[in-house]
Amino acid sequence: DVVALAQSAKGEDRFGYRAEFINLV
């Protein structure tokens, strides 16, 4: 559920921090 919510809100993610977070989950 955390992954699904984060993926829907990743946005521009200029430095890739949000993508990294999704991978950590």
PDB file of all heavy atoms in Angstrom:
ATOM      1  N   ASP A   1       0.832  -1.210   0.000  1.00  0.00           N
ATOM      2  CA  ASP A   1       0.000   0.000   0.000  1.00  0.00           C
ATOM      3  C   ASP A   1       0.869   1.264   0.000  1.00  0.00           C
ATOM      4  O   ASP A   1       0.541   2.257  -0.657  1.00  0.00           O
ATOM      5  CB  ASP A   1      -0.925   0.005   1.224  1.00  0.00           C
ATOM      6  CG  ASP A   1      -1.938  -1.126   1.183  1.00  0.00           C
ATOM      7  OD1 ASP A   1      -2.430  -1.441   0.090  1.00  0.00           O
ATOM      8  OD2 ASP A   1      -2.223  -1.700   2.257  1.00  0.00           O
ATOM      9  N   VAL A   2       1.977   1.206   0.752  1.00  0.00           N
ATOM     10  CA  VAL A   2       2.896   2.351   0.778  1.00  0.00           C
ATOM     11  C   VAL A   2       3.476   2.586  -0.614  1.00  0.00           C
ATOM     12  O   VAL A   2       3.543   3.724  -1.099  1.00  0.00           O
ATOM     13  CB  VAL A   2       4.027   2.113   1.802  1.00  0.00           C
ATOM     14  CG1 VAL A   2       5.071   3.230   1.700  1.00  0.00           C
ATOM     15  CG2 VAL A   2       3.477   2.045   3.222  1.00  0.00           C
ATOM     16  N   VAL A   3       3.894   1.511  -1.283  1.00  0.00           N
ATOM     17  CA  VAL A   3       4.461   1.619  -2.628  1.00  0.00           C
ATOM     18  C   VAL A   3       3.450   2.231  -3.590  1.00  0.00           C
ATOM     19  O   VAL A   3       3.769   3.147  -4.364  1.00  0.00           O
ATOM     20  CB  VAL A   3       4.937   0.247  -3.130  1.00  0.00           C
ATOM     21  CG1 VAL A   3       5.257   0.304  -4.629  1.00  0.00           C
ATOM     22  CG2 VAL A   3       6.158  -0.219  -2.356  1.00  0.00           C
ATOM     23  N   ALA A   4       2.210   1.750  -3.538  1.00  0.00           N
ATOM     24  CA  ALA A   4       1.181   2.251  -4.455  1.00  0.00           C
ATOM     25  C   ALA A   4       0.923   3.739  -4.228  1.00  0.00           C
ATOM     26  O   ALA A   4       0.809   4.521  -5.189  1.00  0.00           O
ATOM     27  CB  ALA A   4      -0.109   1.454  -4.273  1.00  0.00           C
ATOM     28  N   LEU A   5       0.862   4.153  -2.963  1.00  0.00           N
ATOM     29  CA  LEU A   5       0.616   5.561  -2.652  1.00  0.00           C
ATOM     30  C   LEU A   5       1.793   6.425  -3.091  1.00  0.00           C
ATOM     31  O   LEU A   5       1.609   7.492  -3.686  1.00  0.00           O
ATOM     32  CB  LEU A   5       0.368   5.722  -1.147  1.00  0.00           C
ATOM     33  CG  LEU A   5       0.041   7.127  -0.638  1.00  0.00           C
ATOM     34  CD1 LEU A   5      -1.224   7.667  -1.302  1.00  0.00           C
ATOM     35  CD2 LEU A   5      -0.095   7.130   0.886  1.00  0.00           C
ATOM     36  N   ALA A   6       3.015   5.958  -2.830  1.00  0.00           N
ATOM     37  CA  ALA A   6       4.200   6.742  -3.196  1.00  0.00           C
ATOM     38  C   ALA A   6       4.359   6.841  -4.706  1.00  0.00           C
ATOM     39  O   ALA A   6       4.730   7.901  -5.232  1.00  0.00           O
ATOM     40  CB  ALA A   6       5.446   6.115  -2.565  1.00  0.00           C
ATOM     41  N   GLN A   7       4.079   5.764  -5.412  1.00  0.00           N
ATOM     42  CA  GLN A   7       4.193   5.791  -6.873  1.00  0.00           C
ATOM     43  C   GLN A   7       3.217   6.787  -7.493  1.00  0.00           C
ATOM     44  O   GLN A   7       3.527   7.444  -8.488  1.00  0.00           O
ATOM     45  CB  GLN A   7       3.963   4.392  -7.446  1.00  0.00           C
ATOM     46  CG  GLN A   7       5.170   3.473  -7.346  1.00  0.00           C
ATOM     47  CD  GLN A   7       4.923   2.136  -8.015  1.00  0.00           C
ATOM     48  OE1 GLN A   7       3.819   1.592  -7.953  1.00  0.00           O
ATOM     49  NE2 GLN A   7       5.950   1.598  -8.646  1.00  0.00           N
ATOM     50  N   SER A   8       2.039   6.907  -6.898  1.00  0.00           N
ATOM     51  CA  SER A   8       1.051   7.850  -7.429  1.00  0.00           C
ATOM     52  C   SER A   8       1.450   9.297  -7.207  1.00  0.00           C
ATOM     53  O   SER A   8       0.853  10.201  -7.780  1.00  0.00           O
ATOM     54  CB  SER A   8      -0.312   7.590  -6.768  1.00  0.00           C
ATOM     55  OG  SER A   8      -0.332   8.068  -5.421  1.00  0.00           O
ATOM     56  N   ALA A   9       2.469   9.499  -6.358  1.00  0.00           N
ATOM     57  CA  ALA A   9       2.843  10.873  -5.981  1.00  0.00           C
ATOM     58  C   ALA A   9       4.312  11.156  -6.251  1.00  0.00           C
ATOM     59  O   ALA A   9       4.852  12.123  -5.717  1.00  0.00           O
ATOM     60  CB  ALA A   9       2.540  11.074  -4.496  1.00  0.00           C
ATOM     61  N   LYS A  10       4.959  10.345  -7.081  1.00  0.00           N
ATOM     62  CA  LYS A  10       6.405  10.515  -7.297  1.00  0.00           C
ATOM     63  C   LYS A  10       6.729  11.848  -7.946  1.00  0.00           C
ATOM     64  O   LYS A  10       7.745  12.476  -7.645  1.00  0.00           O
ATOM     65  CB  LYS A  10       6.944   9.357  -8.136  1.00  0.00           C
ATOM     66  CG  LYS A  10       8.463   9.308  -8.166  1.00  0.00           C
ATOM     67  CD  LYS A  10       8.981   7.996  -8.742  1.00  0.00           C
ATOM     68  CE  LYS A  10       8.704   7.885 -10.215  1.00  0.00           C
ATOM     69  NZ  LYS A  10       9.409   6.738 -10.831  1.00  0.00           N
ATOM     70  N   GLY A  11       5.893  12.306  -8.845  1.00  0.00           N
ATOM     71  CA  GLY A  11       6.091  13.614  -9.463  1.00  0.00           C
ATOM     72  C   GLY A  11       7.368  13.711 -10.266  1.00  0.00           C
ATOM     73  O   GLY A  11       7.865  12.719 -10.810  1.00  0.00           O
ATOM     74  N   GLU A  12       7.922  14.920 -10.351  1.00  0.00           N
ATOM     75  CA  GLU A  12       9.108  15.167 -11.179  1.00  0.00           C
ATOM     76  C   GLU A  12      10.329  14.414 -10.657  1.00  0.00           C
ATOM     77  O   GLU A  12      11.106  13.866 -11.422  1.00  0.00           O
ATOM     78  CB  GLU A  12       9.390  16.670 -11.224  1.00  0.00           C
ATOM     79  CG  GLU A  12      10.587  17.038 -12.091  1.00  0.00           C
ATOM     80  CD  GLU A  12      10.879  18.526 -12.054  1.00  0.00           C
ATOM     81  OE1 GLU A  12      10.105  19.274 -11.414  1.00  0.00           O
ATOM     82  OE2 GLU A  12      11.884  18.937 -12.660  1.00  0.00           O
ATOM     83  N   ASP A  13      10.538  14.406  -9.348  1.00  0.00           N
ATOM     84  CA  ASP A  13      11.624  13.654  -8.703  1.00  0.00           C
ATOM     85  C   ASP A  13      12.973  13.945  -9.363  1.00  0.00           C
ATOM     86  O   ASP A  13      13.664  13.042  -9.863  1.00  0.00           O
ATOM     87  CB  ASP A  13      11.306  12.156  -8.747  1.00  0.00           C
ATOM     88  CG  ASP A  13      12.175  11.349  -7.774  1.00  0.00           C
ATOM     89  OD1 ASP A  13      12.682  11.947  -6.812  1.00  0.00           O
ATOM     90  OD2 ASP A  13      12.341  10.135  -8.000  1.00  0.00           O
ATOM     91  N   ARG A  14      13.383  15.186  -9.317  1.00  0.00           N
ATOM     92  CA  ARG A  14      14.577  15.648 -10.035  1.00  0.00           C
ATOM     93  C   ARG A  14      15.839  14.879  -9.669  1.00  0.00           C
ATOM     94  O   ARG A  14      16.664  14.555 -10.534  1.00  0.00           O
ATOM     95  CB  ARG A  14      14.767  17.139  -9.755  1.00  0.00           C
ATOM     96  CG  ARG A  14      15.995  17.751 -10.388  1.00  0.00           C
ATOM     97  CD  ARG A  14      16.107  19.208  -9.996  1.00  0.00           C
ATOM     98  NE  ARG A  14      17.344  19.800 -10.462  1.00  0.00           N
ATOM     99  CZ  ARG A  14      17.766  21.013 -10.089  1.00  0.00           C
ATOM    100  NH1 ARG A  14      17.021  21.749  -9.267  1.00  0.00           N
ATOM    101  NH2 ARG A  14      18.921  21.482 -10.546  1.00  0.00           N
ATOM    102  N   PHE A  15      16.025  14.577  -8.389  1.00  0.00           N
ATOM    103  CA  PHE A  15      17.247  13.910  -7.950  1.00  0.00           C
ATOM    104  C   PHE A  15      17.055  12.411  -7.688  1.00  0.00           C
ATOM    105  O   PHE A  15      17.985  11.741  -7.247  1.00  0.00           O
ATOM    106  CB  PHE A  15      17.785  14.576  -6.678  1.00  0.00           C
ATOM    107  CG  PHE A  15      18.190  16.010  -6.878  1.00  0.00           C
ATOM    108  CD1 PHE A  15      17.414  17.044  -6.382  1.00  0.00           C
ATOM    109  CD2 PHE A  15      19.340  16.323  -7.585  1.00  0.00           C
ATOM    110  CE1 PHE A  15      17.777  18.363  -6.568  1.00  0.00           C
ATOM    111  CE2 PHE A  15      19.715  17.644  -7.779  1.00  0.00           C
ATOM    112  CZ  PHE A  15      18.937  18.666  -7.276  1.00  0.00           C
ATOM    113  N   GLY A  16      15.851  11.899  -7.921  1.00  0.00           N
ATOM    114  CA  GLY A  16      15.618  10.471  -7.762  1.00  0.00           C
ATOM    115  C   GLY A  16      15.404  10.008  -6.340  1.00  0.00           C
ATOM    116  O   GLY A  16      15.373   8.801  -6.071  1.00  0.00           O
ATOM    117  N   TYR A  17      15.207  10.941  -5.390  1.00  0.00           N
ATOM    118  CA  TYR A  17      15.041  10.541  -3.994  1.00  0.00           C
ATOM    119  C   TYR A  17      13.739   9.770  -3.766  1.00  0.00           C
ATOM    120  O   TYR A  17      13.692   8.839  -2.952  1.00  0.00           O
ATOM    121  CB  TYR A  17      15.079  11.771  -3.080  1.00  0.00           C
ATOM    122  CG  TYR A  17      16.384  12.526  -3.108  1.00  0.00           C
ATOM    123  CD1 TYR A  17      16.404  13.922  -3.144  1.00  0.00           C
ATOM    124  CD2 TYR A  17      17.602  11.856  -3.098  1.00  0.00           C
ATOM    125  CE1 TYR A  17      17.600  14.623  -3.172  1.00  0.00           C
ATOM    126  CE2 TYR A  17      18.803  12.549  -3.130  1.00  0.00           C
ATOM    127  CZ  TYR A  17      18.798  13.932  -3.173  1.00  0.00           C
ATOM    128  OH  TYR A  17      19.984  14.628  -3.210  1.00  0.00           O
ATOM    129  N   ARG A  18      12.689  10.167  -4.461  1.00  0.00           N
ATOM    130  CA  ARG A  18      11.406   9.480  -4.262  1.00  0.00           C
ATOM    131  C   ARG A  18      11.441   8.080  -4.874  1.00  0.00           C
ATOM    132  O   ARG A  18      10.886   7.138  -4.290  1.00  0.00           O
ATOM    133  CB  ARG A  18      10.266  10.317  -4.852  1.00  0.00           C
ATOM    134  CG  ARG A  18      10.094  11.654  -4.129  1.00  0.00           C
ATOM    135  CD  ARG A  18       8.827  12.398  -4.526  1.00  0.00           C
ATOM    136  NE  ARG A  18       8.705  13.668  -3.806  1.00  0.00           N
ATOM    137  CZ  ARG A  18       7.630  14.437  -3.791  1.00  0.00           C
ATOM    138  NH1 ARG A  18       6.555  14.089  -4.499  1.00  0.00           N
ATOM    139  NH2 ARG A  18       7.606  15.557  -3.107  1.00  0.00           N
ATOM    140  N   ALA A  19      12.085   7.936  -6.006  1.00  0.00           N
ATOM    141  CA  ALA A  19      12.233   6.599  -6.603  1.00  0.00           C
ATOM    142  C   ALA A  19      13.048   5.696  -5.679  1.00  0.00           C
ATOM    143  O   ALA A  19      12.743   4.506  -5.516  1.00  0.00           O
ATOM    144  CB  ALA A  19      12.893   6.705  -7.972  1.00  0.00           C
ATOM    145  N   GLU A  20      14.071   6.261  -5.076  1.00  0.00           N
ATOM    146  CA  GLU A  20      14.880   5.493  -4.122  1.00  0.00           C
ATOM    147  C   GLU A  20      14.028   5.043  -2.937  1.00  0.00           C
ATOM    148  O   GLU A  20      14.153   3.901  -2.466  1.00  0.00           O
ATOM    149  CB  GLU A  20      16.044   6.346  -3.636  1.00  0.00           C
ATOM    150  CG  GLU A  20      16.929   5.653  -2.608  1.00  0.00           C
ATOM    151  CD  GLU A  20      17.923   6.604  -1.967  1.00  0.00           C
ATOM    152  OE1 GLU A  20      17.472   7.604  -1.358  1.00  0.00           O
ATOM    153  OE2 GLU A  20      19.132   6.350  -2.067  1.00  0.00           O
ATOM    154  N   PHE A  21      13.169   5.938  -2.451  1.00  0.00           N
ATOM    155  CA  PHE A  21      12.296   5.579  -1.331  1.00  0.00           C
ATOM    156  C   PHE A  21      11.404   4.395  -1.691  1.00  0.00           C
ATOM    157  O   PHE A  21      11.248   3.453  -0.898  1.00  0.00           O
ATOM    158  CB  PHE A  21      11.430   6.782  -0.940  1.00  0.00           C
ATOM    159  CG  PHE A  21      10.305   6.453  -0.004  1.00  0.00           C
ATOM    160  CD1 PHE A  21      10.553   6.248   1.345  1.00  0.00           C
ATOM    161  CD2 PHE A  21       9.000   6.318  -0.459  1.00  0.00           C
ATOM    162  CE1 PHE A  21       9.516   5.936   2.219  1.00  0.00           C
ATOM    163  CE2 PHE A  21       7.965   6.004   0.401  1.00  0.00           C
ATOM    164  CZ  PHE A  21       8.224   5.814   1.746  1.00  0.00           C
ATOM    165  N   ILE A  22      10.822   4.428  -2.860  1.00  0.00           N
ATOM    166  CA  ILE A  22       9.946   3.333  -3.290  1.00  0.00           C
ATOM    167  C   ILE A  22      10.713   2.014  -3.312  1.00  0.00           C
ATOM    168  O   ILE A  22      10.201   0.961  -2.888  1.00  0.00           O
ATOM    169  CB  ILE A  22       9.330   3.654  -4.667  1.00  0.00           C
ATOM    170  CG1 ILE A  22       8.379   4.850  -4.540  1.00  0.00           C
ATOM    171  CG2 ILE A  22       8.606   2.450  -5.247  1.00  0.00           C
ATOM    172  CD1 ILE A  22       7.916   5.416  -5.871  1.00  0.00           C
ATOM    173  N   ASN A  23      11.949   2.064  -3.773  1.00  0.00           N
ATOM    174  CA  ASN A  23      12.762   0.848  -3.794  1.00  0.00           C
ATOM    175  C   ASN A  23      13.064   0.359  -2.384  1.00  0.00           C
ATOM    176  O   ASN A  23      13.078  -0.856  -2.124  1.00  0.00           O
ATOM    177  CB  ASN A  23      14.070   1.111  -4.543  1.00  0.00           C
ATOM    178  CG  ASN A  23      14.899  -0.143  -4.715  1.00  0.00           C
ATOM    179  OD1 ASN A  23      14.422  -1.147  -5.245  1.00  0.00           O
ATOM    180  ND2 ASN A  23      16.138  -0.106  -4.249  1.00  0.00           N
ATOM    181  N   LEU A  24      13.287   1.274  -1.433  1.00  0.00           N
ATOM    182  CA  LEU A  24      13.539   0.879  -0.045  1.00  0.00           C
ATOM    183  C   LEU A  24      12.327   0.176   0.555  1.00  0.00           C
ATOM    184  O   LEU A  24      12.473  -0.795   1.313  1.00  0.00           O
ATOM    185  CB  LEU A  24      13.901   2.101   0.797  1.00  0.00           C
ATOM    186  CG  LEU A  24      15.267   2.742   0.546  1.00  0.00           C
ATOM    187  CD1 LEU A  24      15.454   3.943   1.469  1.00  0.00           C
ATOM    188  CD2 LEU A  24      16.386   1.736   0.757  1.00  0.00           C
ATOM    189  N   VAL A  25      11.132   0.663   0.237  1.00  0.00           N
ATOM    190  CA  VAL A  25       9.922   0.012   0.748  1.00  0.00           C
ATOM    191  C   VAL A  25       9.835  -1.413   0.202  1.00  0.00           C
ATOM    192  O   VAL A  25       9.480  -2.359   0.923  1.00  0.00           O
ATOM    193  CB  VAL A  25       8.660   0.810   0.372  1.00  0.00           C
ATOM    194  CG1 VAL A  25       7.417   0.120   0.924  1.00  0.00           C
ATOM    195  CG2 VAL A  25       8.748   2.242   0.905  1.00  0.00           C
TER     196      VAL A  25
END
